[in-house]
Amino acid sequence: MKDFADRLRGIAVGAAIGDALGMPLEFKPASSSYNLLTEMLPGALPAGSFTDDTEMALALAESLQHANPLDAQDLAGRFTGWYQSHPSDIGISTAKVLRLIAQGTSWQDASQKVYDSNPDNAANGALMRCWPLAVARHQNLALLVAETRLQSEVTHKNSDAVNAAILLNLMLRKLILRASSTPPRAALRAAIVECTKQVTLSEEFLLAINLAPMRLRDDLKNTGWALHTIESSLWAALTTQSFEEALVQAVNLGNDADTTGTVTGAIAGAMYGLEAIPARWKDLLHGEYPLRSGRLWLTQDFIDLADQLSNLPMEA
């Protein structure tokens, strides 16, 4: 079905586009609502470059294509290889875990040790990279949940950090599988209602999700906390009427703009599909993975990846 493939491709391309659009706004204050960035601009990287959010998602996709069902040992090895290639950006929690693994600690002990040192740290590192599993496992709910949890726990053990990733992939699944007659925003609202019942979320997290579309822009903190990323992304997707408008609103919140761009891009990509993503953004998207390999990824490569992931067998 054309709509079906368009949504799957929209997730992959949308996530990478959101990452690249948000890249120059990362760590900056929110843009003035009268002067929003709408074009790919250079920042820490050249204009159109994706960042660690997409690089780690590609490591997950690569691992899933190599070892099916997902193998945490293989995934941890790929994450660690990426870390040892000196990425331009990496989350604090993720870096701590991968540093320990690189020193010889098992991924289980490394992840547990970092969690034990700061158990309340619900960072968005697992959330930002989880979308390949929604593309690959949308037809198998149990496997989608189990593997999203597994990929999260390789670096993030906090329950909100893990459950935020599971929630996102459950919502993406509902958006992928929805009837073509269901309007995008109505489909997202229905997905939120259904999927929040399938995940164990803290009262604070659930309240933030339910109030997201009613929040004032100035009240959105958009930090590296998974709750803030989900909140900002749902606000952007529910208060706009196109892929482009949702992405522009999301990344201009600043702070962790690339990750909110990634998550919003995946959601809006599932809502509106690949065809709705502006050509001027698709034309500029690029990045290298594996790092230092010379392997360049462009928009067509993300389209091909979505097709490959969606055709993976449910188990080897």
C-alpha atoms as a PDB file:
ATOM      1  CA  MET A   1       0.000   0.000   0.000  1.00  0.00           C
ATOM      2  CA  LYS A   2       1.401   3.353  -1.068  1.00  0.00           C
ATOM      3  CA  ASP A   3       0.318   5.175   2.121  1.00  0.00           C
ATOM      4  CA  PHE A   4       1.904   2.448   4.223  1.00  0.00           C
ATOM      5  CA  ALA A   5       5.334   2.626   2.548  1.00  0.00           C
ATOM      6  CA  ASP A   6       5.191   6.417   2.512  1.00  0.00           C
ATOM      7  CA  ARG A   7       4.736   6.490   6.297  1.00  0.00           C
ATOM      8  CA  LEU A   8       7.602   4.058   6.935  1.00  0.00           C
ATOM      9  CA  ARG A   9       9.904   6.070   4.701  1.00  0.00           C
ATOM     10  CA  GLY A  10       8.610   9.261   6.297  1.00  0.00           C
ATOM     11  CA  ILE A  11       9.739   8.067   9.720  1.00  0.00           C
ATOM     12  CA  ALA A  12      13.293   7.316   8.597  1.00  0.00           C
ATOM     13  CA  VAL A  13      13.773  10.434   6.494  1.00  0.00           C
ATOM     14  CA  GLY A  14      11.775  12.615   8.884  1.00  0.00           C
ATOM     15  CA  ALA A  15      13.868  11.650  11.902  1.00  0.00           C
ATOM     16  CA  ALA A  16      17.131  12.392  10.095  1.00  0.00           C
ATOM     17  CA  ILE A  17      15.772  15.656   8.656  1.00  0.00           C
ATOM     18  CA  GLY A  18      14.640  16.785  12.117  1.00  0.00           C
ATOM     19  CA  ASP A  19      18.063  16.004  13.525  1.00  0.00           C
ATOM     20  CA  ALA A  20      19.804  18.030  10.809  1.00  0.00           C
ATOM     21  CA  LEU A  21      17.372  20.952  11.023  1.00  0.00           C
ATOM     22  CA  GLY A  22      17.804  21.126  14.794  1.00  0.00           C
ATOM     23  CA  MET A  23      21.607  20.743  14.736  1.00  0.00           C
ATOM     24  CA  PRO A  24      22.492  24.493  14.509  1.00  0.00           C
ATOM     25  CA  LEU A  25      20.013  25.338  17.288  1.00  0.00           C
ATOM     26  CA  GLU A  26      21.272  22.782  19.828  1.00  0.00           C
ATOM     27  CA  PHE A  27      22.241  24.321  23.201  1.00  0.00           C
ATOM     28  CA  LYS A  28      20.815  27.700  22.145  1.00  0.00           C
ATOM     29  CA  PRO A  29      17.846  29.504  23.695  1.00  0.00           C
ATOM     30  CA  ALA A  30      14.474  29.273  21.993  1.00  0.00           C
ATOM     31  CA  SER A  31      14.145  31.347  18.842  1.00  0.00           C
ATOM     32  CA  SER A  32      11.790  34.308  18.823  1.00  0.00           C
ATOM     33  CA  SER A  33       8.398  33.205  17.557  1.00  0.00           C
ATOM     34  CA  TYR A  34       8.705  36.077  15.056  1.00  0.00           C
ATOM     35  CA  ASN A  35      12.066  34.868  13.710  1.00  0.00           C
ATOM     36  CA  LEU A  36      11.919  31.105  13.336  1.00  0.00           C
ATOM     37  CA  LEU A  37      14.617  29.152  11.534  1.00  0.00           C
ATOM     38  CA  THR A  38      13.054  27.388   8.545  1.00  0.00           C
ATOM     39  CA  GLU A  39      16.130  26.361   6.535  1.00  0.00           C
ATOM     40  CA  MET A  40      19.046  23.978   6.968  1.00  0.00           C
ATOM     41  CA  LEU A  41      21.920  26.078   8.320  1.00  0.00           C
ATOM     42  CA  PRO A  42      25.482  25.269   9.411  1.00  0.00           C
ATOM     43  CA  GLY A  43      26.231  24.932  13.101  1.00  0.00           C
ATOM     44  CA  ALA A  44      28.744  22.625  14.741  1.00  0.00           C
ATOM     45  CA  LEU A  45      28.532  20.718  11.429  1.00  0.00           C
ATOM     46  CA  PRO A  46      27.840  21.786   7.807  1.00  0.00           C
ATOM     47  CA  ALA A  47      24.250  22.609   6.833  1.00  0.00           C
ATOM     48  CA  GLY A  48      22.099  19.502   6.442  1.00  0.00           C
ATOM     49  CA  SER A  49      24.334  17.274   8.586  1.00  0.00           C
ATOM     50  CA  PHE A  50      22.764  14.766  10.939  1.00  0.00           C
ATOM     51  CA  THR A  51      24.259  14.179  14.397  1.00  0.00           C
ATOM     52  CA  ASP A  52      24.682  11.476  17.030  1.00  0.00           C
ATOM     53  CA  ASP A  53      20.917  10.957  17.200  1.00  0.00           C
ATOM     54  CA  THR A  54      20.876   9.568  13.666  1.00  0.00           C
ATOM     55  CA  GLU A  55      24.299   7.931  13.878  1.00  0.00           C
ATOM     56  CA  MET A  56      23.141   5.823  16.841  1.00  0.00           C
ATOM     57  CA  ALA A  57      19.870   5.008  15.059  1.00  0.00           C
ATOM     58  CA  LEU A  58      21.907   3.773  12.101  1.00  0.00           C
ATOM     59  CA  ALA A  59      23.998   1.626  14.456  1.00  0.00           C
ATOM     60  CA  LEU A  60      20.749   0.107  15.773  1.00  0.00           C
ATOM     61  CA  ALA A  61      19.452  -0.474  12.245  1.00  0.00           C
ATOM     62  CA  GLU A  62      22.771  -2.032  11.209  1.00  0.00           C
ATOM     63  CA  SER A  63      22.747  -4.347  14.231  1.00  0.00           C
ATOM     64  CA  LEU A  64      19.159  -5.397  13.559  1.00  0.00           C
ATOM     65  CA  GLN A  65      20.040  -6.284   9.967  1.00  0.00           C
ATOM     66  CA  HIS A  66      23.066  -8.284  11.159  1.00  0.00           C
ATOM     67  CA  ALA A  67      21.491 -10.135  14.109  1.00  0.00           C
ATOM     68  CA  ASN A  68      17.764 -10.850  13.977  1.00  0.00           C
ATOM     69  CA  PRO A  69      16.212 -10.833  16.552  1.00  0.00           C
ATOM     70  CA  LEU A  70      18.134  -7.942  18.061  1.00  0.00           C
ATOM     71  CA  ASP A  71      21.281  -8.993  19.939  1.00  0.00           C
ATOM     72  CA  ALA A  72      22.285  -6.599  22.731  1.00  0.00           C
ATOM     73  CA  GLN A  73      25.922  -7.732  22.673  1.00  0.00           C
ATOM     74  CA  ASP A  74      26.201  -6.940  18.972  1.00  0.00           C
ATOM     75  CA  LEU A  75      24.417  -3.609  19.459  1.00  0.00           C
ATOM     76  CA  ALA A  76      26.669  -2.620  22.379  1.00  0.00           C
ATOM     77  CA  GLY A  77      29.686  -3.430  20.216  1.00  0.00           C
ATOM     78  CA  ARG A  78      28.456  -1.195  17.412  1.00  0.00           C
ATOM     79  CA  PHE A  79      27.649   1.636  19.821  1.00  0.00           C
ATOM     80  CA  THR A  80      31.122   1.293  21.341  1.00  0.00           C
ATOM     81  CA  GLY A  81      32.804   1.259  17.931  1.00  0.00           C
ATOM     82  CA  TRP A  82      30.937   4.454  17.089  1.00  0.00           C
ATOM     83  CA  TYR A  83      32.036   5.999  20.417  1.00  0.00           C
ATOM     84  CA  GLN A  84      35.660   5.083  19.723  1.00  0.00           C
ATOM     85  CA  SER A  85      35.411   6.845  16.331  1.00  0.00           C
ATOM     86  CA  HIS A  86      35.110  10.176  18.216  1.00  0.00           C
ATOM     87  CA  PRO A  87      31.647  11.462  17.217  1.00  0.00           C
ATOM     88  CA  SER A  88      31.173  15.223  17.149  1.00  0.00           C
ATOM     89  CA  ASP A  89      28.481  14.974  19.829  1.00  0.00           C
ATOM     90  CA  ILE A  90      27.436  12.367  22.390  1.00  0.00           C
ATOM     91  CA  GLY A  91      25.118  12.384  25.389  1.00  0.00           C
ATOM     92  CA  ILE A  92      26.684  12.373  28.843  1.00  0.00           C
ATOM     93  CA  SER A  93      24.978   9.193  30.066  1.00  0.00           C
ATOM     94  CA  THR A  94      25.665   7.356  26.822  1.00  0.00           C
ATOM     95  CA  ALA A  95      29.338   8.374  26.900  1.00  0.00           C
ATOM     96  CA  LYS A  96      29.744   7.115  30.462  1.00  0.00           C
ATOM     97  CA  VAL A  97      28.347   3.685  29.590  1.00  0.00           C
ATOM     98  CA  LEU A  98      30.251   3.291  26.336  1.00  0.00           C
ATOM     99  CA  ARG A  99      33.503   4.390  27.978  1.00  0.00           C
ATOM    100  CA  LEU A 100      33.131   1.567  30.500  1.00  0.00           C
ATOM    101  CA  ILE A 101      32.327  -0.955  27.755  1.00  0.00           C
ATOM    102  CA  ALA A 102      35.364   0.212  25.782  1.00  0.00           C
ATOM    103  CA  GLN A 103      37.449  -0.471  28.901  1.00  0.00           C
ATOM    104  CA  GLY A 104      36.226  -4.064  29.052  1.00  0.00           C
ATOM    105  CA  THR A 105      33.112  -3.883  31.249  1.00  0.00           C
ATOM    106  CA  SER A 106      30.099  -5.891  30.030  1.00  0.00           C
ATOM    107  CA  TRP A 107      27.257  -3.769  28.694  1.00  0.00           C
ATOM    108  CA  GLN A 108      24.992  -5.038  31.483  1.00  0.00           C
ATOM    109  CA  ASP A 109      27.418  -3.998  34.244  1.00  0.00           C
ATOM    110  CA  ALA A 110      28.304  -0.718  32.531  1.00  0.00           C
ATOM    111  CA  SER A 111      24.680   0.343  32.105  1.00  0.00           C
ATOM    112  CA  GLN A 112      23.821  -0.704  35.685  1.00  0.00           C
ATOM    113  CA  LYS A 113      26.822   1.116  37.147  1.00  0.00           C
ATOM    114  CA  VAL A 114      25.954   4.392  35.413  1.00  0.00           C
ATOM    115  CA  TYR A 115      22.315   4.001  36.458  1.00  0.00           C
ATOM    116  CA  ASP A 116      23.264   3.321  40.088  1.00  0.00           C
ATOM    117  CA  SER A 117      25.394   6.479  40.156  1.00  0.00           C
ATOM    118  CA  ASN A 118      22.357   8.641  39.211  1.00  0.00           C
ATOM    119  CA  PRO A 119      19.127   6.620  39.182  1.00  0.00           C
ATOM    120  CA  ASP A 120      16.892   9.666  38.611  1.00  0.00           C
ATOM    121  CA  ASN A 121      18.586  10.576  35.333  1.00  0.00           C
ATOM    122  CA  ALA A 122      15.899   9.965  32.692  1.00  0.00           C
ATOM    123  CA  ALA A 123      17.878  11.219  29.684  1.00  0.00           C
ATOM    124  CA  ASN A 124      16.619  10.969  26.106  1.00  0.00           C
ATOM    125  CA  GLY A 125      19.519   8.982  24.616  1.00  0.00           C
ATOM    126  CA  ALA A 126      17.496   5.789  24.142  1.00  0.00           C
ATOM    127  CA  LEU A 127      14.474   7.706  22.856  1.00  0.00           C
ATOM    128  CA  MET A 128      16.359   9.556  20.121  1.00  0.00           C
ATOM    129  CA  ARG A 129      17.613   6.415  18.360  1.00  0.00           C
ATOM    130  CA  CYS A 130      14.726   3.945  18.690  1.00  0.00           C
ATOM    131  CA  TRP A 131      12.737   4.665  15.514  1.00  0.00           C
ATOM    132  CA  PRO A 132      14.310   1.907  13.337  1.00  0.00           C
ATOM    133  CA  LEU A 133      12.487  -0.656  15.468  1.00  0.00           C
ATOM    134  CA  ALA A 134       9.110   0.959  14.752  1.00  0.00           C
ATOM    135  CA  VAL A 135       9.842   0.596  11.042  1.00  0.00           C
ATOM    136  CA  ALA A 136      11.045  -3.003  11.394  1.00  0.00           C
ATOM    137  CA  ARG A 137       8.614  -4.347  14.013  1.00  0.00           C
ATOM    138  CA  HIS A 138       5.322  -2.495  13.441  1.00  0.00           C
ATOM    139  CA  GLN A 139       3.607  -5.801  12.650  1.00  0.00           C
ATOM    140  CA  ASN A 140       4.777  -7.536  15.841  1.00  0.00           C
ATOM    141  CA  LEU A 141       3.756  -5.671  18.982  1.00  0.00           C
ATOM    142  CA  ALA A 142       5.476  -7.982  21.479  1.00  0.00           C
ATOM    143  CA  LEU A 143       8.785  -7.917  19.606  1.00  0.00           C
ATOM    144  CA  LEU A 144       8.588  -4.143  19.150  1.00  0.00           C
ATOM    145  CA  VAL A 145       8.219  -3.601  22.896  1.00  0.00           C
ATOM    146  CA  ALA A 146      10.833  -6.182  23.892  1.00  0.00           C
ATOM    147  CA  GLU A 147      13.493  -4.960  21.474  1.00  0.00           C
ATOM    148  CA  THR A 148      12.836  -1.282  22.192  1.00  0.00           C
ATOM    149  CA  ARG A 149      13.355  -2.048  25.868  1.00  0.00           C
ATOM    150  CA  LEU A 150      16.519  -4.017  25.097  1.00  0.00           C
ATOM    151  CA  GLN A 151      18.101  -1.344  22.898  1.00  0.00           C
ATOM    152  CA  SER A 152      17.314   1.245  25.581  1.00  0.00           C
ATOM    153  CA  GLU A 153      18.802  -0.721  28.455  1.00  0.00           C
ATOM    154  CA  VAL A 154      22.164  -1.084  26.714  1.00  0.00           C
ATOM    155  CA  THR A 155      22.834   2.507  27.851  1.00  0.00           C
ATOM    156  CA  HIS A 156      19.803   3.703  29.848  1.00  0.00           C
ATOM    157  CA  LYS A 157      18.219   1.799  32.737  1.00  0.00           C
ATOM    158  CA  ASN A 158      15.990   4.534  34.178  1.00  0.00           C
ATOM    159  CA  SER A 159      12.348   3.458  33.754  1.00  0.00           C
ATOM    160  CA  ASP A 160      11.178   6.774  32.287  1.00  0.00           C
ATOM    161  CA  ALA A 161      14.079   6.770  29.812  1.00  0.00           C
ATOM    162  CA  VAL A 162      13.158   3.245  28.697  1.00  0.00           C
ATOM    163  CA  ASN A 163       9.394   3.771  28.684  1.00  0.00           C
ATOM    164  CA  ALA A 164       9.667   7.006  26.693  1.00  0.00           C
ATOM    165  CA  ALA A 165      11.300   5.024  23.872  1.00  0.00           C
ATOM    166  CA  ILE A 166       8.660   2.295  24.107  1.00  0.00           C
ATOM    167  CA  LEU A 167       5.882   4.888  24.068  1.00  0.00           C
ATOM    168  CA  LEU A 168       7.297   6.592  20.987  1.00  0.00           C
ATOM    169  CA  ASN A 169       7.563   3.339  19.062  1.00  0.00           C
ATOM    170  CA  LEU A 170       4.049   2.288  20.078  1.00  0.00           C
ATOM    171  CA  MET A 171       2.693   5.620  18.848  1.00  0.00           C
ATOM    172  CA  LEU A 172       4.653   5.324  15.591  1.00  0.00           C
ATOM    173  CA  ARG A 173       3.209   1.828  15.125  1.00  0.00           C
ATOM    174  CA  LYS A 174      -0.352   3.124  15.518  1.00  0.00           C
ATOM    175  CA  LEU A 175       0.315   5.953  13.065  1.00  0.00           C
ATOM    176  CA  ILE A 176       1.796   3.521  10.520  1.00  0.00           C
ATOM    177  CA  LEU A 177      -1.151   1.116  10.754  1.00  0.00           C
ATOM    178  CA  ARG A 178      -3.982   3.658  10.871  1.00  0.00           C
ATOM    179  CA  ALA A 179      -6.755   3.760   8.293  1.00  0.00           C
ATOM    180  CA  SER A 180      -6.035   6.145   5.410  1.00  0.00           C
ATOM    181  CA  SER A 181      -9.296   7.968   6.144  1.00  0.00           C
ATOM    182  CA  THR A 182      -8.123   9.023   9.633  1.00  0.00           C
ATOM    183  CA  PRO A 183      -6.751  12.595   9.681  1.00  0.00           C
ATOM    184  CA  PRO A 184      -3.136  12.798  10.946  1.00  0.00           C
ATOM    185  CA  ARG A 185      -3.734  14.763  14.139  1.00  0.00           C
ATOM    186  CA  ALA A 186      -6.783  12.697  15.066  1.00  0.00           C
ATOM    187  CA  ALA A 187      -4.659   9.587  14.544  1.00  0.00           C
ATOM    188  CA  LEU A 188      -1.948  10.931  16.858  1.00  0.00           C
ATOM    189  CA  ARG A 189      -4.464  11.868  19.554  1.00  0.00           C
ATOM    190  CA  ALA A 190      -5.944   8.355  19.393  1.00  0.00           C
ATOM    191  CA  ALA A 191      -2.463   6.815  19.496  1.00  0.00           C
ATOM    192  CA  ILE A 192      -1.595   8.801  22.626  1.00  0.00           C
ATOM    193  CA  VAL A 193      -4.751   7.648  24.416  1.00  0.00           C
ATOM    194  CA  GLU A 194      -4.215   4.002  23.529  1.00  0.00           C
ATOM    195  CA  CYS A 195      -0.448   3.779  23.889  1.00  0.00           C
ATOM    196  CA  THR A 196      -0.171   5.532  27.258  1.00  0.00           C
ATOM    197  CA  LYS A 197      -2.324   2.691  28.608  1.00  0.00           C
ATOM    198  CA  GLN A 198       0.239   0.148  27.373  1.00  0.00           C
ATOM    199  CA  VAL A 199       3.271   1.693  29.096  1.00  0.00           C
ATOM    200  CA  THR A 200       3.983   2.216  32.790  1.00  0.00           C
ATOM    201  CA  LEU A 201       4.652   5.936  33.110  1.00  0.00           C
ATOM    202  CA  SER A 202       5.143   8.084  36.177  1.00  0.00           C
ATOM    203  CA  GLU A 203       2.238  10.347  37.082  1.00  0.00           C
ATOM    204  CA  GLU A 204       4.355  13.371  36.165  1.00  0.00           C
ATOM    205  CA  PHE A 205       5.195  11.931  32.755  1.00  0.00           C
ATOM    206  CA  LEU A 206       1.589  11.034  31.963  1.00  0.00           C
ATOM    207  CA  LEU A 207       0.396  14.499  32.976  1.00  0.00           C
ATOM    208  CA  ALA A 208       3.013  16.147  30.760  1.00  0.00           C
ATOM    209  CA  ILE A 209       1.864  14.063  27.776  1.00  0.00           C
ATOM    210  CA  ASN A 210      -1.813  14.819  28.317  1.00  0.00           C
ATOM    211  CA  LEU A 211      -1.207  18.549  28.743  1.00  0.00           C
ATOM    212  CA  ALA A 212       1.339  18.873  25.926  1.00  0.00           C
ATOM    213  CA  PRO A 213      -0.950  20.365  23.247  1.00  0.00           C
ATOM    214  CA  MET A 214      -2.227  22.954  25.731  1.00  0.00           C
ATOM    215  CA  ARG A 215       1.201  24.135  26.854  1.00  0.00           C
ATOM    216  CA  LEU A 216       2.408  27.626  26.007  1.00  0.00           C
ATOM    217  CA  ARG A 217       5.549  27.665  23.869  1.00  0.00           C
ATOM    218  CA  ASP A 218       7.447  29.655  26.504  1.00  0.00           C
ATOM    219  CA  ASP A 219       6.732  26.983  29.124  1.00  0.00           C
ATOM    220  CA  LEU A 220       8.447  24.158  27.206  1.00  0.00           C
ATOM    221  CA  LYS A 221      11.909  23.532  28.648  1.00  0.00           C
ATOM    222  CA  ASN A 222      13.048  21.140  25.890  1.00  0.00           C
ATOM    223  CA  THR A 223      16.022  19.778  27.842  1.00  0.00           C
ATOM    224  CA  GLY A 224      17.756  16.422  27.424  1.00  0.00           C
ATOM    225  CA  TRP A 225      15.206  14.843  29.773  1.00  0.00           C
ATOM    226  CA  ALA A 226      13.069  12.256  27.956  1.00  0.00           C
ATOM    227  CA  LEU A 227       9.871  13.736  29.393  1.00  0.00           C
ATOM    228  CA  HIS A 228      10.681  17.169  27.963  1.00  0.00           C
ATOM    229  CA  THR A 229      11.515  15.701  24.548  1.00  0.00           C
ATOM    230  CA  ILE A 230       8.229  13.787  24.333  1.00  0.00           C
ATOM    231  CA  GLU A 231       6.304  16.807  25.631  1.00  0.00           C
ATOM    232  CA  SER A 232       7.851  19.200  23.107  1.00  0.00           C
ATOM    233  CA  SER A 233       7.455  16.765  20.220  1.00  0.00           C
ATOM    234  CA  LEU A 234       3.784  16.098  20.927  1.00  0.00           C
ATOM    235  CA  TRP A 235       3.162  19.826  21.358  1.00  0.00           C
ATOM    236  CA  ALA A 236       4.741  20.515  17.968  1.00  0.00           C
ATOM    237  CA  ALA A 237       2.892  17.699  16.190  1.00  0.00           C
ATOM    238  CA  LEU A 238      -0.522  18.413  17.744  1.00  0.00           C
ATOM    239  CA  THR A 239      -0.567  22.193  17.327  1.00  0.00           C
ATOM    240  CA  THR A 240       0.429  22.290  13.638  1.00  0.00           C
ATOM    241  CA  GLN A 241      -1.002  21.028  10.361  1.00  0.00           C
ATOM    242  CA  SER A 242       1.951  19.879   8.263  1.00  0.00           C
ATOM    243  CA  PHE A 243       5.307  18.125   8.508  1.00  0.00           C
ATOM    244  CA  GLU A 244       7.153  21.356   7.809  1.00  0.00           C
ATOM    245  CA  GLU A 245       5.265  23.399  10.395  1.00  0.00           C
ATOM    246  CA  ALA A 246       5.697  20.719  13.084  1.00  0.00           C
ATOM    247  CA  LEU A 247       9.475  20.507  12.499  1.00  0.00           C
ATOM    248  CA  VAL A 248       9.941  24.277  12.445  1.00  0.00           C
ATOM    249  CA  GLN A 249       8.085  24.659  15.734  1.00  0.00           C
ATOM    250  CA  ALA A 250       9.989  21.774  17.343  1.00  0.00           C
ATOM    251  CA  VAL A 251      13.559  22.763  16.538  1.00  0.00           C
ATOM    252  CA  ASN A 252      13.057  26.437  17.305  1.00  0.00           C
ATOM    253  CA  LEU A 253      12.516  25.535  20.951  1.00  0.00           C
ATOM    254  CA  GLY A 254      16.328  25.399  21.084  1.00  0.00           C
ATOM    255  CA  ASN A 255      18.231  23.614  23.864  1.00  0.00           C
ATOM    256  CA  ASP A 256      18.112  19.915  22.839  1.00  0.00           C
ATOM    257  CA  ALA A 257      16.785  20.969  19.446  1.00  0.00           C
ATOM    258  CA  ASP A 258      18.287  18.147  17.399  1.00  0.00           C
ATOM    259  CA  THR A 259      16.748  15.408  19.534  1.00  0.00           C
ATOM    260  CA  THR A 260      13.338  17.064  19.652  1.00  0.00           C
ATOM    261  CA  GLY A 261      13.704  17.512  15.902  1.00  0.00           C
ATOM    262  CA  THR A 262      14.481  13.811  15.524  1.00  0.00           C
ATOM    263  CA  VAL A 263      11.507  12.643  17.585  1.00  0.00           C
ATOM    264  CA  THR A 264       9.118  15.169  16.024  1.00  0.00           C
ATOM    265  CA  GLY A 265      10.429  14.233  12.581  1.00  0.00           C
ATOM    266  CA  ALA A 266       9.677  10.567  13.184  1.00  0.00           C
ATOM    267  CA  ILE A 267       6.165  11.346  14.465  1.00  0.00           C
ATOM    268  CA  ALA A 268       5.361  13.850  11.720  1.00  0.00           C
ATOM    269  CA  GLY A 269       6.910  11.528   9.141  1.00  0.00           C
ATOM    270  CA  ALA A 270       4.487   8.802  10.209  1.00  0.00           C
ATOM    271  CA  MET A 271       1.605  11.301  10.244  1.00  0.00           C
ATOM    272  CA  TYR A 272       2.168  12.959   6.873  1.00  0.00           C
ATOM    273  CA  GLY A 273       4.505  10.596   4.985  1.00  0.00           C
ATOM    274  CA  LEU A 274       7.653  11.037   2.936  1.00  0.00           C
ATOM    275  CA  GLU A 275       5.919  13.012   0.199  1.00  0.00           C
ATOM    276  CA  ALA A 276       5.045  15.779   2.665  1.00  0.00           C
ATOM    277  CA  ILE A 277       8.685  16.456   3.613  1.00  0.00           C
ATOM    278  CA  PRO A 278       9.971  19.593   1.826  1.00  0.00           C
ATOM    279  CA  ALA A 279      12.301  18.809  -1.085  1.00  0.00           C
ATOM    280  CA  ARG A 280      14.672  21.624  -0.089  1.00  0.00           C
ATOM    281  CA  TRP A 281      15.379  19.802   3.191  1.00  0.00           C
ATOM    282  CA  LYS A 282      15.674  16.371   1.581  1.00  0.00           C
ATOM    283  CA  ASP A 283      18.155  17.756  -0.948  1.00  0.00           C
ATOM    284  CA  LEU A 284      20.554  18.948   1.780  1.00  0.00           C
ATOM    285  CA  LEU A 285      20.386  15.989   4.176  1.00  0.00           C
ATOM    286  CA  HIS A 286      23.683  14.153   4.520  1.00  0.00           C
ATOM    287  CA  GLY A 287      26.055  12.536   6.973  1.00  0.00           C
ATOM    288  CA  GLU A 288      28.663   9.839   7.385  1.00  0.00           C
ATOM    289  CA  TYR A 289      28.131   6.426   8.947  1.00  0.00           C
ATOM    290  CA  PRO A 290      30.109   4.523  10.061  1.00  0.00           C
ATOM    291  CA  LEU A 291      32.210   7.471  11.159  1.00  0.00           C
ATOM    292  CA  ARG A 292      35.567   7.833   9.353  1.00  0.00           C
ATOM    293  CA  SER A 293      34.418   5.250   6.757  1.00  0.00           C
ATOM    294  CA  GLY A 294      33.714   7.613   3.888  1.00  0.00           C
ATOM    295  CA  ARG A 295      30.204   6.088   3.585  1.00  0.00           C
ATOM    296  CA  LEU A 296      27.886   9.023   2.869  1.00  0.00           C
ATOM    297  CA  TRP A 297      24.188   8.828   3.692  1.00  0.00           C
ATOM    298  CA  LEU A 298      21.721  10.901   1.659  1.00  0.00           C
ATOM    299  CA  THR A 299      17.918  10.963   1.645  1.00  0.00           C
ATOM    300  CA  GLN A 300      17.651   8.042  -0.796  1.00  0.00           C
ATOM    301  CA  ASP A 301      19.738   5.910   1.568  1.00  0.00           C
ATOM    302  CA  PHE A 302      17.221   6.486   4.369  1.00  0.00           C
ATOM    303  CA  ILE A 303      14.386   5.576   1.998  1.00  0.00           C
ATOM    304  CA  ASP A 304      16.215   2.361   1.094  1.00  0.00           C
ATOM    305  CA  LEU A 305      16.879   1.642   4.773  1.00  0.00           C
ATOM    306  CA  ALA A 306      13.183   1.991   5.629  1.00  0.00           C
ATOM    307  CA  ASP A 307      12.327  -0.473   2.853  1.00  0.00           C
ATOM    308  CA  GLN A 308      14.973  -2.937   4.061  1.00  0.00           C
ATOM    309  CA  LEU A 309      13.923  -2.727   7.720  1.00  0.00           C
ATOM    310  CA  SER A 310      10.227  -3.111   6.918  1.00  0.00           C
ATOM    311  CA  ASN A 311      10.998  -6.298   4.992  1.00  0.00           C
ATOM    312  CA  LEU A 312      13.053  -7.945   7.749  1.00  0.00           C
ATOM    313  CA  PRO A 313      11.623 -11.274   8.935  1.00  0.00           C
ATOM    314  CA  MET A 314      10.084 -11.125  12.394  1.00  0.00           C
ATOM    315  CA  GLU A 315      12.735 -13.539  13.616  1.00  0.00           C
ATOM    316  CA  ALA A 316      15.714 -15.290  12.109  1.00  0.00           C
END
